[in-house]
Protein backbone atom coordinates (compact mmCIF):
# COMPACT_ATOMS: atom_id res chain seq x y z
CA MET A 1 146.74 68.18 162.02
CA ILE A 2 150.27 69.54 161.62
CA TRP A 3 151.58 65.95 161.47
CA PHE A 4 149.24 65.19 158.58
CA ILE A 5 150.43 68.28 156.70
CA THR A 6 154.06 67.27 157.30
CA VAL A 7 153.41 63.77 155.95
CA ILE A 8 151.66 65.25 152.90
CA PHE A 9 154.58 67.65 152.38
CA GLY A 10 157.03 64.73 152.58
CA PHE A 11 154.87 62.75 150.17
CA GLY A 12 154.88 65.61 147.66
CA LEU A 13 158.61 66.00 148.10
CA GLY A 14 159.05 62.28 147.44
CA LEU A 15 156.91 62.44 144.30
CA LEU A 16 158.99 65.34 143.04
CA PHE A 17 162.33 63.77 143.98
CA PHE A 18 161.72 60.26 142.69
CA GLY A 19 159.54 61.40 139.78
CA THR A 20 162.27 63.62 138.39
CA LEU A 21 164.79 60.83 138.96
CA TRP A 22 162.60 58.49 136.91
CA LEU A 23 162.24 61.07 134.15
CA ALA A 24 165.99 61.70 134.05
CA VAL A 25 166.79 57.99 133.82
CA ARG A 26 164.08 57.45 131.21
CA HIS A 27 165.45 60.20 128.97
CA PHE A 28 169.10 59.37 129.66
CA VAL A 29 169.54 57.36 126.47
CA ARG A 30 168.10 60.00 124.14
CA PHE A 31 169.82 63.03 125.64
CA PRO A 32 173.01 63.97 123.74
CA LYS A 33 174.78 65.46 126.76
CA ARG A 34 174.12 62.77 129.35
CA ARG A 35 176.60 64.03 131.90
CA ILE A 36 174.96 67.44 132.05
CA LEU A 37 171.53 65.84 132.55
CA ILE A 38 172.74 63.58 135.34
CA ALA A 39 174.73 66.30 137.10
CA ALA A 40 172.07 69.00 136.86
CA SER A 41 169.19 66.71 137.78
CA GLY A 42 171.06 65.12 140.67
CA LEU A 43 172.27 68.43 142.05
CA ALA A 44 168.83 70.04 141.85
CA ARG A 45 167.11 67.05 143.46
CA VAL A 46 169.63 66.72 146.28
CA LEU A 47 169.61 70.47 146.93
CA LEU A 48 165.81 70.55 147.09
CA LEU A 49 165.69 67.51 149.36
CA THR A 50 168.39 68.88 151.67
CA VAL A 51 166.69 72.25 152.08
CA ALA A 52 163.27 70.67 152.65
CA LEU A 53 164.57 68.17 155.21
CA TYR A 54 166.48 70.91 157.00
CA MET A 55 163.32 73.02 157.19
CA MET A 56 161.40 70.05 158.61
CA SER A 57 164.12 69.32 161.15
CA ARG A 58 163.90 72.91 162.44
CA GLN A 59 160.31 72.10 163.44
CA GLY A 60 161.47 69.14 165.53
CA TYR A 61 162.73 65.68 164.87
CA ALA A 62 159.28 64.14 165.24
CA LYS A 63 158.04 66.23 162.31
CA LEU A 64 161.16 65.35 160.37
CA LEU A 65 160.32 61.68 160.85
CA ALA A 66 156.74 62.34 159.72
CA GLY A 67 158.07 64.04 156.58
CA LEU A 68 160.46 61.17 155.94
CA ALA A 69 157.54 58.74 156.29
CA GLY A 70 155.70 60.66 153.57
CA LEU A 71 158.83 60.63 151.40
CA TRP A 72 159.13 56.87 151.88
CA MET A 73 155.45 56.34 151.04
CA ALA A 74 155.88 58.25 147.77
CA ARG A 75 158.88 56.08 146.93
CA VAL A 76 156.97 52.86 147.57
CA ILE A 77 153.94 54.01 145.58
CA LEU A 78 156.06 55.12 142.61
CA ILE A 79 157.95 51.82 142.60
CA CYS A 80 154.67 49.89 142.63
CA ARG A 81 153.10 52.07 139.93
CA LEU A 82 156.12 52.15 137.61
CA ASP A 83 157.13 48.52 138.08
CA GLY A 84 156.98 46.70 134.81
CA ILE A 85 156.71 49.83 132.67
CA HIS A 86 159.36 49.58 129.99
CA HIS A 87 159.99 52.36 127.51
CA GLY A 88 162.05 51.37 124.54
CA SER A 89 164.15 48.25 124.32
């Protein structure tokens, strides 16, 4: 059961990480201070991901791999769902 929770946690982490990346890229053109958006978004996402992966690794590398599998699944699902969606020209 703990493995399932770790995969779900990784999946949620992936949705948050890649979802905010998608939002940042989507709004990149309209944001007047692009550098601030990219730097702040990237730093926050990487910091969150690093802390979460570190916490998973403290539970053992098998659970870290389960969390990474969930992260990867979220990435694949978001790519499939957002493929072909074009906003603007």
